[in-house]
Amino acid sequence: MRRLITAFAALAVASPAAAEMKQVEPGHYLCAAPAGYAQNQDIVPLQVGEQLRLRVRLNKENFDPRWTVSAAVEFEAKNGRRSVVIGKARDEKAIDWAPHLFVALQTSGKEARKIVDRFPLTDDWVSVTLKMDAAGVVTVRSRNRTELLDLGGTQISKALLHCHSGEFEMEISPQLYVLPATAH
């Protein structure tokens, strides 16, 4: 038993510090996730007919060969976990590969991400808007591109901001999506 406790203690010391997501003002978050780690921040679930604006800026990549550097808004709904992801592409085998940022839809299954938009690598803000209809279908817009994300209904059990293997600034608006417990 003593060896097992010692092994866990050694592992804890060798592991990177836990990532922190800090709210610097209502709706504006700093997310710093070490390579291979993620951080989440609960938000209010999407409201029917109310637009959610998400802005993301990648400030630093903490490269991990197993994970994509990404930020997302995630929803737990009837159809499982659904996400709108903003990340840094890293598929060097693709014919049209060039380093870029992407906006994509992700489902909880093994389906590939559905690309909504691509941007040259930038330290500027990437903006996405989401609006859910009465059937639970979310219209996702990035610049002049639009895709639909089916949540399977309007009952969302959990909504959160997520970042992985990087340092991001994330903003959500309007304020109705900021949890009261975390607002200043």
N, C-alpha and C. Protein backbone atom coordinates (compact mmCIF):
# COMPACT_ATOMS: atom_id res chain seq x y z
N MET A 1 0.83 -1.19 0.00
CA MET A 1 0.00 0.00 0.00
C MET A 1 0.87 1.25 0.00
N ARG A 2 1.95 1.23 0.78
CA ARG A 2 2.84 2.39 0.86
C ARG A 2 3.44 2.67 -0.52
N ARG A 3 3.80 1.61 -1.28
CA ARG A 3 4.37 1.79 -2.62
C ARG A 3 3.35 2.45 -3.55
N LEU A 4 2.09 2.03 -3.44
CA LEU A 4 1.05 2.59 -4.27
C LEU A 4 0.86 4.07 -3.98
N ILE A 5 0.84 4.46 -2.73
CA ILE A 5 0.71 5.87 -2.35
C ILE A 5 1.91 6.66 -2.85
N THR A 6 3.11 6.11 -2.73
CA THR A 6 4.31 6.77 -3.21
C THR A 6 4.26 6.96 -4.72
N ALA A 7 3.77 5.93 -5.44
CA ALA A 7 3.66 6.02 -6.90
C ALA A 7 2.68 7.13 -7.31
N PHE A 8 1.53 7.22 -6.63
CA PHE A 8 0.56 8.27 -6.95
C PHE A 8 1.14 9.65 -6.62
N ALA A 9 1.86 9.77 -5.54
CA ALA A 9 2.48 11.05 -5.17
C ALA A 9 3.50 11.47 -6.22
N ALA A 10 4.30 10.53 -6.71
CA ALA A 10 5.30 10.83 -7.73
C ALA A 10 4.62 11.26 -9.02
N LEU A 11 3.54 10.60 -9.39
CA LEU A 11 2.80 10.94 -10.59
C LEU A 11 2.21 12.35 -10.47
N ALA A 12 1.68 12.68 -9.33
CA ALA A 12 1.09 14.00 -9.11
C ALA A 12 2.13 15.09 -9.26
N VAL A 13 3.34 14.86 -8.75
CA VAL A 13 4.40 15.85 -8.85
C VAL A 13 4.87 15.98 -10.30
N ALA A 14 4.89 14.88 -11.06
CA ALA A 14 5.38 14.89 -12.43
C ALA A 14 4.37 15.46 -13.41
N SER A 15 3.08 15.52 -13.05
CA SER A 15 2.05 16.01 -13.95
C SER A 15 2.04 17.52 -14.00
N PRO A 16 1.67 18.11 -15.18
CA PRO A 16 1.57 19.56 -15.26
C PRO A 16 0.49 20.08 -14.32
N ALA A 17 0.62 21.34 -13.95
CA ALA A 17 -0.38 21.96 -13.08
C ALA A 17 -1.73 21.98 -13.79
N ALA A 18 -2.78 21.95 -13.02
CA ALA A 18 -4.13 21.98 -13.60
C ALA A 18 -4.34 23.29 -14.33
N ALA A 19 -4.99 23.20 -15.48
CA ALA A 19 -5.30 24.41 -16.25
C ALA A 19 -6.34 25.24 -15.52
N GLU A 20 -6.30 26.53 -15.70
CA GLU A 20 -7.27 27.41 -15.05
C GLU A 20 -8.00 28.24 -16.08
N MET A 21 -9.31 28.37 -15.91
CA MET A 21 -10.09 29.29 -16.71
C MET A 21 -10.53 30.40 -15.75
N LYS A 22 -10.14 31.59 -16.07
CA LYS A 22 -10.39 32.72 -15.18
C LYS A 22 -11.30 33.72 -15.89
N GLN A 23 -12.32 34.19 -15.18
CA GLN A 23 -13.19 35.23 -15.73
C GLN A 23 -12.61 36.58 -15.34
N VAL A 24 -12.20 37.38 -16.33
CA VAL A 24 -11.58 38.67 -16.05
C VAL A 24 -12.61 39.79 -15.99
N GLU A 25 -13.75 39.59 -16.62
CA GLU A 25 -14.91 40.46 -16.51
C GLU A 25 -16.10 39.64 -16.99
N PRO A 26 -17.31 40.05 -16.70
CA PRO A 26 -18.45 39.23 -17.07
C PRO A 26 -18.44 38.85 -18.56
N GLY A 27 -18.42 37.53 -18.81
CA GLY A 27 -18.43 37.02 -20.17
C GLY A 27 -17.09 36.95 -20.86
N HIS A 28 -16.00 37.40 -20.22
CA HIS A 28 -14.66 37.37 -20.81
C HIS A 28 -13.78 36.45 -19.97
N TYR A 29 -13.29 35.38 -20.60
CA TYR A 29 -12.54 34.35 -19.89
C TYR A 29 -11.15 34.17 -20.46
N LEU A 30 -10.20 33.85 -19.58
CA LEU A 30 -8.87 33.44 -19.98
C LEU A 30 -8.75 31.96 -19.66
N CYS A 31 -8.36 31.20 -20.65
CA CYS A 31 -8.25 29.77 -20.50
C CYS A 31 -6.81 29.37 -20.81
N ALA A 32 -6.14 28.76 -19.85
CA ALA A 32 -4.74 28.36 -20.03
C ALA A 32 -4.62 26.88 -19.74
N ALA A 33 -4.62 26.08 -20.80
CA ALA A 33 -4.54 24.62 -20.66
C ALA A 33 -3.18 24.13 -21.12
N PRO A 34 -2.43 23.49 -20.23
CA PRO A 34 -1.13 22.92 -20.64
C PRO A 34 -1.31 21.86 -21.73
N ALA A 35 -0.24 21.51 -22.40
CA ALA A 35 -0.28 20.49 -23.46
C ALA A 35 -0.94 19.22 -22.94
N GLY A 36 -1.94 18.75 -23.68
CA GLY A 36 -2.63 17.52 -23.32
C GLY A 36 -3.72 17.67 -22.28
N TYR A 37 -3.98 18.87 -21.80
CA TYR A 37 -4.98 19.09 -20.76
C TYR A 37 -6.06 20.05 -21.26
N ALA A 38 -7.19 20.04 -20.56
CA ALA A 38 -8.33 20.89 -20.93
C ALA A 38 -8.84 21.62 -19.70
N GLN A 39 -9.66 22.63 -19.94
CA GLN A 39 -10.32 23.38 -18.89
C GLN A 39 -11.72 23.72 -19.35
N ASN A 40 -12.68 23.68 -18.45
CA ASN A 40 -14.07 23.97 -18.77
C ASN A 40 -14.60 25.11 -17.91
N GLN A 41 -15.63 25.78 -18.43
CA GLN A 41 -16.33 26.83 -17.70
C GLN A 41 -17.81 26.69 -18.01
N ASP A 42 -18.63 26.40 -17.00
CA ASP A 42 -20.08 26.30 -17.22
C ASP A 42 -20.65 27.64 -17.65
N ILE A 43 -21.62 27.57 -18.56
CA ILE A 43 -22.37 28.75 -18.98
C ILE A 43 -23.86 28.37 -19.00
N VAL A 44 -24.71 29.35 -19.19
CA VAL A 44 -26.15 29.10 -19.28
C VAL A 44 -26.42 28.44 -20.64
N PRO A 45 -27.24 27.38 -20.67
CA PRO A 45 -27.56 26.71 -21.95
C PRO A 45 -28.24 27.66 -22.94
N LEU A 46 -28.13 27.31 -24.22
CA LEU A 46 -28.78 28.10 -25.27
C LEU A 46 -30.26 28.26 -24.98
N GLN A 47 -30.78 29.43 -25.29
CA GLN A 47 -32.19 29.74 -25.14
C GLN A 47 -32.81 29.83 -26.53
N VAL A 48 -33.99 29.26 -26.72
CA VAL A 48 -34.67 29.28 -28.01
C VAL A 48 -34.83 30.73 -28.48
N GLY A 49 -34.39 30.99 -29.71
CA GLY A 49 -34.55 32.31 -30.32
C GLY A 49 -33.55 33.35 -29.88
N GLU A 50 -32.71 33.06 -28.89
CA GLU A 50 -31.73 34.03 -28.38
C GLU A 50 -30.35 33.70 -28.94
N GLN A 51 -29.74 34.65 -29.60
CA GLN A 51 -28.42 34.43 -30.20
C GLN A 51 -27.32 34.41 -29.13
N LEU A 52 -26.36 33.52 -29.30
CA LEU A 52 -25.14 33.50 -28.49
C LEU A 52 -24.00 33.86 -29.41
N ARG A 53 -23.21 34.84 -29.00
CA ARG A 53 -22.02 35.21 -29.77
C ARG A 53 -20.81 34.72 -29.00
N LEU A 54 -19.97 33.94 -29.68
CA LEU A 54 -18.71 33.44 -29.11
C LEU A 54 -17.56 34.03 -29.90
N ARG A 55 -16.63 34.64 -29.17
CA ARG A 55 -15.40 35.15 -29.79
C ARG A 55 -14.23 34.44 -29.11
N VAL A 56 -13.27 33.99 -29.94
CA VAL A 56 -12.12 33.25 -29.43
C VAL A 56 -10.85 33.82 -30.06
N ARG A 57 -9.83 33.95 -29.22
CA ARG A 57 -8.50 34.34 -29.71
C ARG A 57 -7.47 33.38 -29.14
N LEU A 58 -6.71 32.74 -30.02
CA LEU A 58 -5.62 31.86 -29.60
C LEU A 58 -4.40 32.72 -29.33
N ASN A 59 -3.94 32.73 -28.08
CA ASN A 59 -2.77 33.52 -27.71
C ASN A 59 -1.48 32.70 -27.71
N LYS A 60 -1.61 31.39 -27.42
CA LYS A 60 -0.41 30.54 -27.36
C LYS A 60 -0.83 29.08 -27.53
N GLU A 61 -0.09 28.38 -28.36
CA GLU A 61 -0.30 26.95 -28.54
C GLU A 61 0.60 26.19 -27.58
N ASN A 62 0.03 25.24 -26.86
CA ASN A 62 0.81 24.34 -26.01
C ASN A 62 0.74 22.96 -26.67
N PHE A 63 1.59 22.76 -27.66
CA PHE A 63 1.50 21.61 -28.55
C PHE A 63 1.57 20.28 -27.81
N ASP A 64 0.67 19.40 -28.23
CA ASP A 64 0.66 18.00 -27.78
C ASP A 64 0.36 17.18 -29.04
N PRO A 65 1.17 16.17 -29.36
CA PRO A 65 0.97 15.43 -30.60
C PRO A 65 -0.35 14.65 -30.66
N ARG A 66 -0.98 14.44 -29.51
CA ARG A 66 -2.22 13.66 -29.48
C ARG A 66 -3.48 14.50 -29.59
N TRP A 67 -3.39 15.81 -29.37
CA TRP A 67 -4.59 16.63 -29.27
C TRP A 67 -4.51 17.86 -30.14
N THR A 68 -5.67 18.30 -30.63
CA THR A 68 -5.77 19.54 -31.38
C THR A 68 -5.87 20.70 -30.41
N VAL A 69 -5.13 21.76 -30.69
CA VAL A 69 -5.26 22.99 -29.91
C VAL A 69 -6.62 23.58 -30.27
N SER A 70 -7.51 23.68 -29.28
CA SER A 70 -8.87 24.10 -29.63
C SER A 70 -9.59 24.76 -28.47
N ALA A 71 -10.60 25.53 -28.84
CA ALA A 71 -11.56 26.11 -27.90
C ALA A 71 -12.94 25.78 -28.45
N ALA A 72 -13.92 25.64 -27.56
CA ALA A 72 -15.23 25.23 -28.02
C ALA A 72 -16.32 25.69 -27.07
N VAL A 73 -17.54 25.66 -27.58
CA VAL A 73 -18.73 25.73 -26.75
C VAL A 73 -19.39 24.36 -26.93
N GLU A 74 -19.68 23.70 -25.80
CA GLU A 74 -20.21 22.34 -25.83
C GLU A 74 -21.58 22.28 -25.19
N PHE A 75 -22.40 21.37 -25.71
CA PHE A 75 -23.76 21.18 -25.19
C PHE A 75 -24.02 19.71 -24.96
N GLU A 76 -24.59 19.38 -23.80
CA GLU A 76 -25.09 18.03 -23.53
C GLU A 76 -26.59 18.10 -23.77
N ALA A 77 -27.06 17.35 -24.79
CA ALA A 77 -28.46 17.41 -25.16
C ALA A 77 -28.96 16.00 -25.48
N LYS A 78 -30.20 15.93 -25.96
CA LYS A 78 -30.83 14.65 -26.25
C LYS A 78 -29.99 13.78 -27.18
N ASN A 79 -29.36 14.37 -28.18
CA ASN A 79 -28.54 13.64 -29.14
C ASN A 79 -27.11 13.40 -28.65
N GLY A 80 -26.82 13.68 -27.38
CA GLY A 80 -25.47 13.52 -26.86
C GLY A 80 -24.71 14.83 -26.87
N ARG A 81 -23.40 14.74 -26.75
CA ARG A 81 -22.57 15.95 -26.72
C ARG A 81 -22.39 16.48 -28.13
N ARG A 82 -22.60 17.78 -28.26
CA ARG A 82 -22.42 18.49 -29.53
C ARG A 82 -21.56 19.71 -29.23
N SER A 83 -20.66 20.04 -30.17
CA SER A 83 -19.74 21.15 -29.96
C SER A 83 -19.58 21.99 -31.21
N VAL A 84 -19.31 23.26 -30.98
CA VAL A 84 -18.82 24.15 -32.03
C VAL A 84 -17.38 24.44 -31.63
N VAL A 85 -16.44 24.00 -32.47
CA VAL A 85 -15.02 24.02 -32.15
C VAL A 85 -14.29 25.04 -33.01
N ILE A 86 -13.39 25.79 -32.38
CA ILE A 86 -12.46 26.66 -33.09
C ILE A 86 -11.08 26.13 -32.73
N GLY A 87 -10.33 25.71 -33.74
CA GLY A 87 -9.06 25.08 -33.45
C GLY A 87 -8.01 25.34 -34.51
N LYS A 88 -6.82 24.86 -34.23
CA LYS A 88 -5.70 24.98 -35.17
C LYS A 88 -5.54 23.66 -35.90
N ALA A 89 -5.64 23.70 -37.23
CA ALA A 89 -5.50 22.50 -38.05
C ALA A 89 -4.06 22.01 -37.99
N ARG A 90 -3.92 20.67 -38.04
CA ARG A 90 -2.57 20.11 -38.01
C ARG A 90 -2.44 18.85 -38.85
N ASP A 91 -3.29 18.71 -39.85
CA ASP A 91 -3.25 17.54 -40.72
C ASP A 91 -2.27 17.79 -41.88
N GLU A 92 -1.03 17.46 -41.66
CA GLU A 92 0.01 17.74 -42.65
C GLU A 92 -0.09 16.82 -43.87
N LYS A 93 -0.93 15.78 -43.84
CA LYS A 93 -1.05 14.85 -44.95
C LYS A 93 -2.14 15.28 -45.94
N ALA A 94 -2.94 16.23 -45.56
CA ALA A 94 -4.02 16.68 -46.45
C ALA A 94 -3.42 17.38 -47.67
N ILE A 95 -4.03 17.18 -48.82
CA ILE A 95 -3.51 17.76 -50.07
C ILE A 95 -3.47 19.27 -50.00
N ASP A 96 -4.52 19.87 -49.45
CA ASP A 96 -4.59 21.34 -49.40
C ASP A 96 -4.09 21.90 -48.08
N TRP A 97 -3.22 21.17 -47.40
CA TRP A 97 -2.81 21.56 -46.07
C TRP A 97 -1.99 22.84 -46.07
N ALA A 98 -2.36 23.71 -45.22
CA ALA A 98 -1.58 24.89 -44.86
C ALA A 98 -2.04 25.22 -43.45
N PRO A 99 -1.13 25.63 -42.59
CA PRO A 99 -1.57 25.94 -41.21
C PRO A 99 -2.71 26.96 -41.24
N HIS A 100 -3.77 26.65 -40.50
CA HIS A 100 -4.92 27.54 -40.45
C HIS A 100 -5.74 27.25 -39.19
N LEU A 101 -6.64 28.17 -38.90
CA LEU A 101 -7.64 27.96 -37.86
C LEU A 101 -8.92 27.51 -38.54
N PHE A 102 -9.72 26.73 -37.84
CA PHE A 102 -10.97 26.27 -38.41
C PHE A 102 -12.10 26.46 -37.40
N VAL A 103 -13.31 26.55 -37.92
CA VAL A 103 -14.54 26.48 -37.13
C VAL A 103 -15.23 25.22 -37.61
N ALA A 104 -15.60 24.33 -36.69
CA ALA A 104 -16.20 23.06 -37.08
C ALA A 104 -17.28 22.65 -36.10
N LEU A 105 -18.16 21.76 -36.57
CA LEU A 105 -19.18 21.14 -35.73
C LEU A 105 -18.69 19.75 -35.37
N GLN A 106 -18.86 19.36 -34.11
CA GLN A 106 -18.41 18.05 -33.65
C GLN A 106 -19.55 17.36 -32.90
N THR A 107 -19.75 16.08 -33.19
CA THR A 107 -20.74 15.29 -32.47
C THR A 107 -20.01 14.33 -31.54
N SER A 108 -20.77 13.66 -30.69
CA SER A 108 -20.16 12.76 -29.71
C SER A 108 -19.76 11.42 -30.30
N GLY A 109 -20.19 11.13 -31.52
CA GLY A 109 -19.84 9.87 -32.16
C GLY A 109 -18.48 9.92 -32.81
N LYS A 110 -18.22 8.96 -33.67
CA LYS A 110 -16.94 8.89 -34.36
C LYS A 110 -16.96 9.63 -35.68
N GLU A 111 -18.02 10.38 -35.91
CA GLU A 111 -18.12 11.14 -37.15
C GLU A 111 -17.04 12.21 -37.20
N ALA A 112 -16.58 12.51 -38.41
CA ALA A 112 -15.58 13.55 -38.59
C ALA A 112 -16.19 14.91 -38.28
N ARG A 113 -15.35 15.84 -37.94
CA ARG A 113 -15.82 17.21 -37.75
C ARG A 113 -16.31 17.75 -39.08
N LYS A 114 -17.36 18.56 -39.02
CA LYS A 114 -17.88 19.21 -40.21
C LYS A 114 -17.37 20.64 -40.22
N ILE A 115 -16.53 20.97 -41.18
CA ILE A 115 -15.90 22.29 -41.24
C ILE A 115 -16.93 23.33 -41.66
N VAL A 116 -17.00 24.40 -40.90
CA VAL A 116 -17.87 25.53 -41.21
C VAL A 116 -17.07 26.61 -41.92
N ASP A 117 -15.84 26.87 -41.45
CA ASP A 117 -15.06 27.99 -41.98
C ASP A 117 -13.58 27.74 -41.69
N ARG A 118 -12.72 28.40 -42.46
CA ARG A 118 -11.27 28.37 -42.25
C ARG A 118 -10.72 29.78 -42.27
N PHE A 119 -9.67 29.99 -41.48
CA PHE A 119 -9.02 31.29 -41.39
C PHE A 119 -7.52 31.09 -41.47
N PRO A 120 -6.78 32.02 -42.07
CA PRO A 120 -5.32 31.96 -41.95
C PRO A 120 -4.95 32.06 -40.47
N LEU A 121 -3.81 31.51 -40.09
CA LEU A 121 -3.38 31.66 -38.69
C LEU A 121 -3.34 33.14 -38.35
N THR A 122 -3.90 33.47 -37.20
CA THR A 122 -4.01 34.86 -36.80
C THR A 122 -4.07 34.95 -35.29
N ASP A 123 -3.74 36.11 -34.76
CA ASP A 123 -3.95 36.35 -33.34
C ASP A 123 -5.16 37.26 -33.15
N ASP A 124 -5.93 37.47 -34.23
CA ASP A 124 -7.17 38.24 -34.15
C ASP A 124 -8.29 37.36 -33.59
N TRP A 125 -9.39 37.98 -33.22
CA TRP A 125 -10.57 37.27 -32.72
C TRP A 125 -11.24 36.53 -33.87
N VAL A 126 -11.72 35.33 -33.60
CA VAL A 126 -12.57 34.56 -34.51
C VAL A 126 -13.96 34.57 -33.87
N SER A 127 -14.96 35.02 -34.61
CA SER A 127 -16.32 35.16 -34.08
C SER A 127 -17.27 34.16 -34.72
N VAL A 128 -18.14 33.60 -33.88
CA VAL A 128 -19.16 32.66 -34.32
C VAL A 128 -20.45 33.03 -33.59
N THR A 129 -21.58 32.93 -34.30
CA THR A 129 -22.87 33.13 -33.64
C THR A 129 -23.67 31.83 -33.71
N LEU A 130 -24.45 31.59 -32.67
CA LEU A 130 -25.28 30.40 -32.57
C LEU A 130 -26.69 30.85 -32.20
N LYS A 131 -27.69 30.24 -32.85
CA LYS A 131 -29.08 30.55 -32.52
C LYS A 131 -29.90 29.27 -32.67
N MET A 132 -30.58 28.87 -31.58
CA MET A 132 -31.36 27.64 -31.58
C MET A 132 -32.82 27.93 -31.88
N ASP A 133 -33.40 27.09 -32.76
CA ASP A 133 -34.82 27.22 -33.06
C ASP A 133 -35.65 26.33 -32.15
N ALA A 134 -36.97 26.37 -32.32
CA ALA A 134 -37.89 25.63 -31.44
C ALA A 134 -37.76 24.11 -31.58
N ALA A 135 -37.11 23.62 -32.63
CA ALA A 135 -36.91 22.18 -32.82
C ALA A 135 -35.57 21.70 -32.25
N GLY A 136 -34.77 22.62 -31.73
CA GLY A 136 -33.45 22.25 -31.19
C GLY A 136 -32.36 22.19 -32.23
N VAL A 137 -32.57 22.85 -33.35
CA VAL A 137 -31.54 22.94 -34.39
C VAL A 137 -30.85 24.29 -34.24
N VAL A 138 -29.53 24.25 -34.15
CA VAL A 138 -28.73 25.47 -33.94
C VAL A 138 -28.14 25.91 -35.27
N THR A 139 -28.39 27.16 -35.64
CA THR A 139 -27.75 27.76 -36.81
C THR A 139 -26.43 28.34 -36.34
N VAL A 140 -25.34 27.87 -36.95
CA VAL A 140 -23.99 28.30 -36.59
C VAL A 140 -23.45 29.13 -37.75
N ARG A 141 -23.05 30.39 -37.46
CA ARG A 141 -22.55 31.29 -38.50
C ARG A 141 -21.13 31.75 -38.16
N SER A 142 -20.29 31.69 -39.20
CA SER A 142 -18.94 32.24 -39.13
C SER A 142 -18.74 33.03 -40.41
N ARG A 143 -18.53 34.32 -40.27
CA ARG A 143 -18.48 35.23 -41.41
C ARG A 143 -19.74 35.02 -42.25
N ASN A 144 -19.60 34.64 -43.52
CA ASN A 144 -20.79 34.45 -44.37
C ASN A 144 -21.11 32.97 -44.57
N ARG A 145 -20.57 32.09 -43.74
CA ARG A 145 -20.82 30.65 -43.85
C ARG A 145 -21.76 30.20 -42.74
N THR A 146 -22.66 29.26 -43.10
CA THR A 146 -23.66 28.79 -42.15
C THR A 146 -23.77 27.27 -42.21
N GLU A 147 -23.87 26.63 -41.05
CA GLU A 147 -24.13 25.20 -40.94
C GLU A 147 -25.15 25.00 -39.83
N LEU A 148 -25.80 23.81 -39.81
CA LEU A 148 -26.79 23.50 -38.80
C LEU A 148 -26.28 22.37 -37.90
N LEU A 149 -26.55 22.51 -36.61
CA LEU A 149 -26.17 21.53 -35.60
C LEU A 149 -27.44 21.08 -34.88
N ASP A 150 -27.82 19.83 -35.06
CA ASP A 150 -29.06 19.30 -34.47
C ASP A 150 -28.80 18.78 -33.07
N LEU A 151 -29.43 19.39 -32.08
CA LEU A 151 -29.29 18.95 -30.69
C LEU A 151 -30.35 17.92 -30.31
N GLY A 152 -31.32 17.67 -31.19
CA GLY A 152 -32.35 16.68 -30.91
C GLY A 152 -33.46 17.20 -30.02
N GLY A 153 -33.53 18.46 -29.79
CA GLY A 153 -34.54 19.08 -28.94
C GLY A 153 -33.94 20.28 -28.22
N THR A 154 -34.79 20.99 -27.51
CA THR A 154 -34.35 22.22 -26.85
C THR A 154 -33.89 22.01 -25.41
N GLN A 155 -34.01 20.79 -24.90
CA GLN A 155 -33.59 20.51 -23.52
C GLN A 155 -32.09 20.25 -23.48
N ILE A 156 -31.34 21.23 -22.99
CA ILE A 156 -29.88 21.11 -22.88
C ILE A 156 -29.56 20.95 -21.40
N SER A 157 -28.94 19.82 -21.04
CA SER A 157 -28.67 19.57 -19.63
C SER A 157 -27.42 20.28 -19.14
N LYS A 158 -26.50 20.60 -20.04
CA LYS A 158 -25.26 21.27 -19.64
C LYS A 158 -24.70 22.03 -20.84
N ALA A 159 -24.16 23.21 -20.58
CA ALA A 159 -23.46 23.99 -21.60
C ALA A 159 -22.18 24.51 -20.98
N LEU A 160 -21.11 24.49 -21.75
CA LEU A 160 -19.84 24.96 -21.21
C LEU A 160 -18.90 25.45 -22.29
N LEU A 161 -17.97 26.30 -21.85
CA LEU A 161 -16.84 26.68 -22.68
C LEU A 161 -15.74 25.68 -22.38
N HIS A 162 -14.91 25.39 -23.37
CA HIS A 162 -13.88 24.36 -23.24
C HIS A 162 -12.65 24.83 -24.00
N CYS A 163 -11.47 24.60 -23.44
CA CYS A 163 -10.25 24.83 -24.22
C CYS A 163 -9.29 23.68 -23.95
N HIS A 164 -8.41 23.44 -24.93
CA HIS A 164 -7.49 22.31 -24.85
C HIS A 164 -6.14 22.68 -25.43
N SER A 165 -5.08 22.38 -24.67
CA SER A 165 -3.69 22.51 -25.14
C SER A 165 -3.35 23.88 -25.71
N GLY A 166 -3.79 24.93 -25.02
CA GLY A 166 -3.47 26.27 -25.48
C GLY A 166 -3.97 27.33 -24.52
N GLU A 167 -3.55 28.55 -24.80
CA GLU A 167 -4.00 29.70 -24.02
C GLU A 167 -4.89 30.54 -24.92
N PHE A 168 -6.11 30.75 -24.45
CA PHE A 168 -7.14 31.43 -25.23
C PHE A 168 -7.79 32.53 -24.42
N GLU A 169 -8.30 33.53 -25.13
CA GLU A 169 -9.28 34.45 -24.58
C GLU A 169 -10.59 34.04 -25.21
N MET A 170 -11.64 33.99 -24.41
CA MET A 170 -12.96 33.61 -24.90
C MET A 170 -13.97 34.61 -24.37
N GLU A 171 -14.84 35.08 -25.24
CA GLU A 171 -15.92 35.99 -24.84
C GLU A 171 -17.25 35.44 -25.29
N ILE A 172 -18.24 35.54 -24.41
CA ILE A 172 -19.61 35.20 -24.78
C ILE A 172 -20.50 36.40 -24.50
N SER A 173 -21.49 36.58 -25.35
CA SER A 173 -22.49 37.62 -25.14
C SER A 173 -23.77 37.16 -25.82
N PRO A 174 -24.91 37.67 -25.38
CA PRO A 174 -25.13 38.65 -24.32
C PRO A 174 -24.93 38.04 -22.94
N GLN A 175 -25.04 38.88 -21.94
CA GLN A 175 -24.78 38.48 -20.55
C GLN A 175 -25.73 37.41 -20.03
N LEU A 176 -26.86 37.19 -20.70
CA LEU A 176 -27.80 36.18 -20.21
C LEU A 176 -27.18 34.79 -20.22
N TYR A 177 -26.07 34.60 -20.94
CA TYR A 177 -25.39 33.30 -20.97
C TYR A 177 -24.31 33.15 -19.91
N VAL A 178 -24.00 34.22 -19.18
CA VAL A 178 -23.01 34.17 -18.12
C VAL A 178 -23.71 33.73 -16.83
N LEU A 179 -23.20 32.69 -16.20
CA LEU A 179 -23.80 32.23 -14.96
C LEU A 179 -23.69 33.29 -13.88
N PRO A 180 -24.77 33.55 -13.14
CA PRO A 180 -24.75 34.58 -12.10
C PRO A 180 -23.65 34.36 -11.06
N ALA A 181 -23.36 33.13 -10.72
CA ALA A 181 -22.35 32.85 -9.70
C ALA A 181 -20.96 33.27 -10.13
N THR A 182 -20.72 33.37 -11.46
CA THR A 182 -19.39 33.73 -11.94
C THR A 182 -19.30 35.15 -12.44
N ALA A 183 -20.43 35.85 -12.52
CA ALA A 183 -20.42 37.24 -13.00
C ALA A 183 -19.88 38.15 -11.90
N HIS A 184 -19.21 39.22 -12.30
CA HIS A 184 -18.70 40.20 -11.33
C HIS A 184 -19.72 41.27 -11.06
